[in-house]
Amino acid sequence: MENAGSSTYVEGDVAAPFERAYERIRATALSVEDSLVRIAELEEGLRR
């Protein structure tokens, strides 16, 4: 885990909740291609 001033390293059972959260984020994230399309859509919306 990182913050503005330092980093904390966790391992073993203590890391399990962070690993699960990271995997859930990855599972729901858009692909690179889909991310680029979404960013372009948002940019176009701001130009209107």
PDB file of N, CA and C in Angstrom:
ATOM      1  N   MET A   1       0.852  -1.165   0.000  1.00  0.00           N
ATOM      2  CA  MET A   1       0.000   0.000   0.000  1.00  0.00           C
ATOM      3  C   MET A   1       0.897   1.226   0.000  1.00  0.00           C
ATOM      4  N   GLU A   2       0.501   2.205  -0.761  1.00  0.00           N
ATOM      5  CA  GLU A   2       1.285   3.427  -0.815  1.00  0.00           C
ATOM      6  C   GLU A   2       0.413   4.617  -0.454  1.00  0.00           C
ATOM      7  N   ASN A   3       1.052   5.635   0.079  1.00  0.00           N
ATOM      8  CA  ASN A   3       0.389   6.919   0.292  1.00  0.00           C
ATOM      9  C   ASN A   3       1.392   8.005  -0.037  1.00  0.00           C
ATOM     10  N   ALA A   4       1.044   9.225   0.191  1.00  0.00           N
ATOM     11  CA  ALA A   4       1.904  10.340  -0.209  1.00  0.00           C
ATOM     12  C   ALA A   4       3.254  10.335   0.490  1.00  0.00           C
ATOM     13  N   GLY A   5       3.316   9.778   1.675  1.00  0.00           N
ATOM     14  CA  GLY A   5       4.552   9.866   2.433  1.00  0.00           C
ATOM     15  C   GLY A   5       5.346   8.596   2.589  1.00  0.00           C
ATOM     16  N   SER A   6       4.742   7.440   2.327  1.00  0.00           N
ATOM     17  CA  SER A   6       5.469   6.203   2.566  1.00  0.00           C
ATOM     18  C   SER A   6       4.759   5.029   1.905  1.00  0.00           C
ATOM     19  N   SER A   7       5.331   3.859   2.105  1.00  0.00           N
ATOM     20  CA  SER A   7       4.739   2.616   1.615  1.00  0.00           C
ATOM     21  C   SER A   7       4.685   1.621   2.761  1.00  0.00           C
ATOM     22  N   THR A   8       3.682   0.779   2.748  1.00  0.00           N
ATOM     23  CA  THR A   8       3.558  -0.288   3.729  1.00  0.00           C
ATOM     24  C   THR A   8       3.440  -1.595   2.965  1.00  0.00           C
ATOM     25  N   TYR A   9       4.206  -2.586   3.336  1.00  0.00           N
ATOM     26  CA  TYR A   9       4.182  -3.873   2.666  1.00  0.00           C
ATOM     27  C   TYR A   9       3.462  -4.878   3.543  1.00  0.00           C
ATOM     28  N   VAL A  10       2.509  -5.592   2.949  1.00  0.00           N
ATOM     29  CA  VAL A  10       1.779  -6.616   3.682  1.00  0.00           C
ATOM     30  C   VAL A  10       1.953  -7.942   2.956  1.00  0.00           C
ATOM     31  N   GLU A  11       2.023  -9.011   3.724  1.00  0.00           N
ATOM     32  CA  GLU A  11       2.217 -10.337   3.152  1.00  0.00           C
ATOM     33  C   GLU A  11       1.349 -11.344   3.884  1.00  0.00           C
ATOM     34  N   GLY A  12       1.215 -12.509   3.286  1.00  0.00           N
ATOM     35  CA  GLY A  12       0.506 -13.604   3.918  1.00  0.00           C
ATOM     36  C   GLY A  12      -0.974 -13.337   4.059  1.00  0.00           C
ATOM     37  N   ASP A  13      -1.553 -13.836   5.131  1.00  0.00           N
ATOM     38  CA  ASP A  13      -2.993 -13.719   5.377  1.00  0.00           C
ATOM     39  C   ASP A  13      -3.448 -12.271   5.468  1.00  0.00           C
ATOM     40  N   VAL A  14      -2.579 -11.392   5.939  1.00  0.00           N
ATOM     41  CA  VAL A  14      -2.924  -9.979   6.077  1.00  0.00           C
ATOM     42  C   VAL A  14      -3.184  -9.353   4.706  1.00  0.00           C
ATOM     43  N   ALA A  15      -2.521  -9.868   3.683  1.00  0.00           N
ATOM     44  CA  ALA A  15      -2.656  -9.311   2.338  1.00  0.00           C
ATOM     45  C   ALA A  15      -3.903  -9.807   1.614  1.00  0.00           C
ATOM     46  N   ALA A  16      -4.527 -10.874   2.087  1.00  0.00           N
ATOM     47  CA  ALA A  16      -5.651 -11.499   1.387  1.00  0.00           C
ATOM     48  C   ALA A  16      -6.780 -10.528   1.047  1.00  0.00           C
ATOM     49  N   PRO A  17      -7.240  -9.671   1.957  1.00  0.00           N
ATOM     50  CA  PRO A  17      -8.320  -8.746   1.593  1.00  0.00           C
ATOM     51  C   PRO A  17      -7.919  -7.787   0.472  1.00  0.00           C
ATOM     52  N   PHE A  18      -6.667  -7.369   0.464  1.00  0.00           N
ATOM     53  CA  PHE A  18      -6.192  -6.460  -0.581  1.00  0.00           C
ATOM     54  C   PHE A  18      -6.105  -7.180  -1.921  1.00  0.00           C
ATOM     55  N   GLU A  19      -5.671  -8.424  -1.888  1.00  0.00           N
ATOM     56  CA  GLU A  19      -5.598  -9.221  -3.114  1.00  0.00           C
ATOM     57  C   GLU A  19      -6.989  -9.429  -3.700  1.00  0.00           C
ATOM     58  N   ARG A  20      -7.961  -9.742  -2.848  1.00  0.00           N
ATOM     59  CA  ARG A  20      -9.339  -9.941  -3.325  1.00  0.00           C
ATOM     60  C   ARG A  20      -9.904  -8.649  -3.903  1.00  0.00           C
ATOM     61  N   ALA A  21      -9.656  -7.534  -3.242  1.00  0.00           N
ATOM     62  CA  ALA A  21     -10.149  -6.246  -3.751  1.00  0.00           C
ATOM     63  C   ALA A  21      -9.518  -5.933  -5.095  1.00  0.00           C
ATOM     64  N   TYR A  22      -8.233  -6.163  -5.233  1.00  0.00           N
ATOM     65  CA  TYR A  22      -7.530  -5.897  -6.484  1.00  0.00           C
ATOM     66  C   TYR A  22      -8.091  -6.778  -7.603  1.00  0.00           C
ATOM     67  N   GLU A  23      -8.345  -8.047  -7.314  1.00  0.00           N
ATOM     68  CA  GLU A  23      -8.889  -8.949  -8.324  1.00  0.00           C
ATOM     69  C   GLU A  23     -10.298  -8.530  -8.746  1.00  0.00           C
ATOM     70  N   ARG A  24     -11.099  -8.043  -7.809  1.00  0.00           N
ATOM     71  CA  ARG A  24     -12.449  -7.557  -8.166  1.00  0.00           C
ATOM     72  C   ARG A  24     -12.353  -6.331  -9.066  1.00  0.00           C
ATOM     73  N   ILE A  25     -11.433  -5.447  -8.759  1.00  0.00           N
ATOM     74  CA  ILE A  25     -11.240  -4.256  -9.602  1.00  0.00           C
ATOM     75  C   ILE A  25     -10.805  -4.675 -10.997  1.00  0.00           C
ATOM     76  N   ARG A  26      -9.834  -5.566 -11.090  1.00  0.00           N
ATOM     77  CA  ARG A  26      -9.367  -6.031 -12.396  1.00  0.00           C
ATOM     78  C   ARG A  26     -10.475  -6.708 -13.185  1.00  0.00           C
ATOM     79  N   ALA A  27     -11.317  -7.482 -12.499  1.00  0.00           N
ATOM     80  CA  ALA A  27     -12.389  -8.217 -13.181  1.00  0.00           C
ATOM     81  C   ALA A  27     -13.436  -7.280 -13.774  1.00  0.00           C
ATOM     82  N   THR A  28     -13.631  -6.123 -13.165  1.00  0.00           N
ATOM     83  CA  THR A  28     -14.659  -5.199 -13.648  1.00  0.00           C
ATOM     84  C   THR A  28     -14.104  -4.070 -14.502  1.00  0.00           C
ATOM     85  N   ALA A  29     -12.802  -3.986 -14.604  1.00  0.00           N
ATOM     86  CA  ALA A  29     -12.177  -2.904 -15.379  1.00  0.00           C
ATOM     87  C   ALA A  29     -12.410  -3.112 -16.870  1.00  0.00           C
ATOM     88  N   LEU A  30     -12.472  -2.012 -17.583  1.00  0.00           N
ATOM     89  CA  LEU A  30     -12.572  -2.069 -19.037  1.00  0.00           C
ATOM     90  C   LEU A  30     -11.239  -2.519 -19.630  1.00  0.00           C
ATOM     91  N   SER A  31     -11.308  -3.101 -20.811  1.00  0.00           N
ATOM     92  CA  SER A  31     -10.069  -3.425 -21.534  1.00  0.00           C
ATOM     93  C   SER A  31      -9.399  -2.114 -21.952  1.00  0.00           C
ATOM     94  N   VAL A  32      -8.165  -2.203 -22.401  1.00  0.00           N
ATOM     95  CA  VAL A  32      -7.462  -1.010 -22.868  1.00  0.00           C
ATOM     96  C   VAL A  32      -8.242  -0.359 -24.004  1.00  0.00           C
ATOM     97  N   GLU A  33      -8.677  -1.177 -24.949  1.00  0.00           N
ATOM     98  CA  GLU A  33      -9.404  -0.651 -26.102  1.00  0.00           C
ATOM     99  C   GLU A  33     -10.710   0.020 -25.673  1.00  0.00           C
ATOM    100  N   ASP A  34     -11.459  -0.646 -24.797  1.00  0.00           N
ATOM    101  CA  ASP A  34     -12.718  -0.081 -24.323  1.00  0.00           C
ATOM    102  C   ASP A  34     -12.492   1.190 -23.502  1.00  0.00           C
ATOM    103  N   SER A  35     -11.385   1.225 -22.764  1.00  0.00           N
ATOM    104  CA  SER A  35     -11.053   2.427 -22.001  1.00  0.00           C
ATOM    105  C   SER A  35     -10.806   3.603 -22.931  1.00  0.00           C
ATOM    106  N   LEU A  36     -10.069   3.347 -24.010  1.00  0.00           N
ATOM    107  CA  LEU A  36      -9.790   4.414 -24.969  1.00  0.00           C
ATOM    108  C   LEU A  36     -11.070   4.930 -25.613  1.00  0.00           C
ATOM    109  N   VAL A  37     -11.980   4.027 -25.943  1.00  0.00           N
ATOM    110  CA  VAL A  37     -13.262   4.432 -26.521  1.00  0.00           C
ATOM    111  C   VAL A  37     -14.036   5.274 -25.521  1.00  0.00           C
ATOM    112  N   ARG A  38     -14.079   4.842 -24.263  1.00  0.00           N
ATOM    113  CA  ARG A  38     -14.819   5.571 -23.228  1.00  0.00           C
ATOM    114  C   ARG A  38     -14.227   6.959 -22.996  1.00  0.00           C
ATOM    115  N   ILE A  39     -12.918   7.054 -22.964  1.00  0.00           N
ATOM    116  CA  ILE A  39     -12.267   8.353 -22.778  1.00  0.00           C
ATOM    117  C   ILE A  39     -12.609   9.283 -23.939  1.00  0.00           C
ATOM    118  N   ALA A  40     -12.581   8.745 -25.142  1.00  0.00           N
ATOM    119  CA  ALA A  40     -12.927   9.553 -26.314  1.00  0.00           C
ATOM    120  C   ALA A  40     -14.381  10.025 -26.238  1.00  0.00           C
ATOM    121  N   GLU A  41     -15.273   9.161 -25.786  1.00  0.00           N
ATOM    122  CA  GLU A  41     -16.685   9.548 -25.637  1.00  0.00           C
ATOM    123  C   GLU A  41     -16.832  10.674 -24.613  1.00  0.00           C
ATOM    124  N   LEU A  42     -16.140  10.548 -23.496  1.00  0.00           N
ATOM    125  CA  LEU A  42     -16.209  11.582 -22.462  1.00  0.00           C
ATOM    126  C   LEU A  42     -15.626  12.901 -22.970  1.00  0.00           C
ATOM    127  N   GLU A  43     -14.535  12.810 -23.690  1.00  0.00           N
ATOM    128  CA  GLU A  43     -13.924  14.013 -24.248  1.00  0.00           C
ATOM    129  C   GLU A  43     -14.874  14.695 -25.220  1.00  0.00           C
ATOM    130  N   GLU A  44     -15.511  13.922 -26.066  1.00  0.00           N
ATOM    131  CA  GLU A  44     -16.466  14.488 -27.028  1.00  0.00           C
ATOM    132  C   GLU A  44     -17.629  15.164 -26.294  1.00  0.00           C
ATOM    133  N   GLY A  45     -18.084  14.558 -25.203  1.00  0.00           N
ATOM    134  CA  GLY A  45     -19.157  15.149 -24.417  1.00  0.00           C
ATOM    135  C   GLY A  45     -18.778  16.493 -23.828  1.00  0.00           C
ATOM    136  N   LEU A  46     -17.510  16.656 -23.470  1.00  0.00           N
ATOM    137  CA  LEU A  46     -17.055  17.926 -22.897  1.00  0.00           C
ATOM    138  C   LEU A  46     -16.947  19.018 -23.941  1.00  0.00           C
ATOM    139  N   ARG A  47     -16.780  18.633 -25.177  1.00  0.00           N
ATOM    140  CA  ARG A  47     -16.633  19.624 -26.256  1.00  0.00           C
ATOM    141  C   ARG A  47     -17.969  20.178 -26.723  1.00  0.00           C
ATOM    142  N   ARG A  48     -19.044  19.544 -26.347  1.00  0.00           N
ATOM    143  CA  ARG A  48     -20.372  19.999 -26.794  1.00  0.00           C
ATOM    144  C   ARG A  48     -20.846  21.162 -25.983  1.00  0.00           C
TER     145      ARG A  48
END
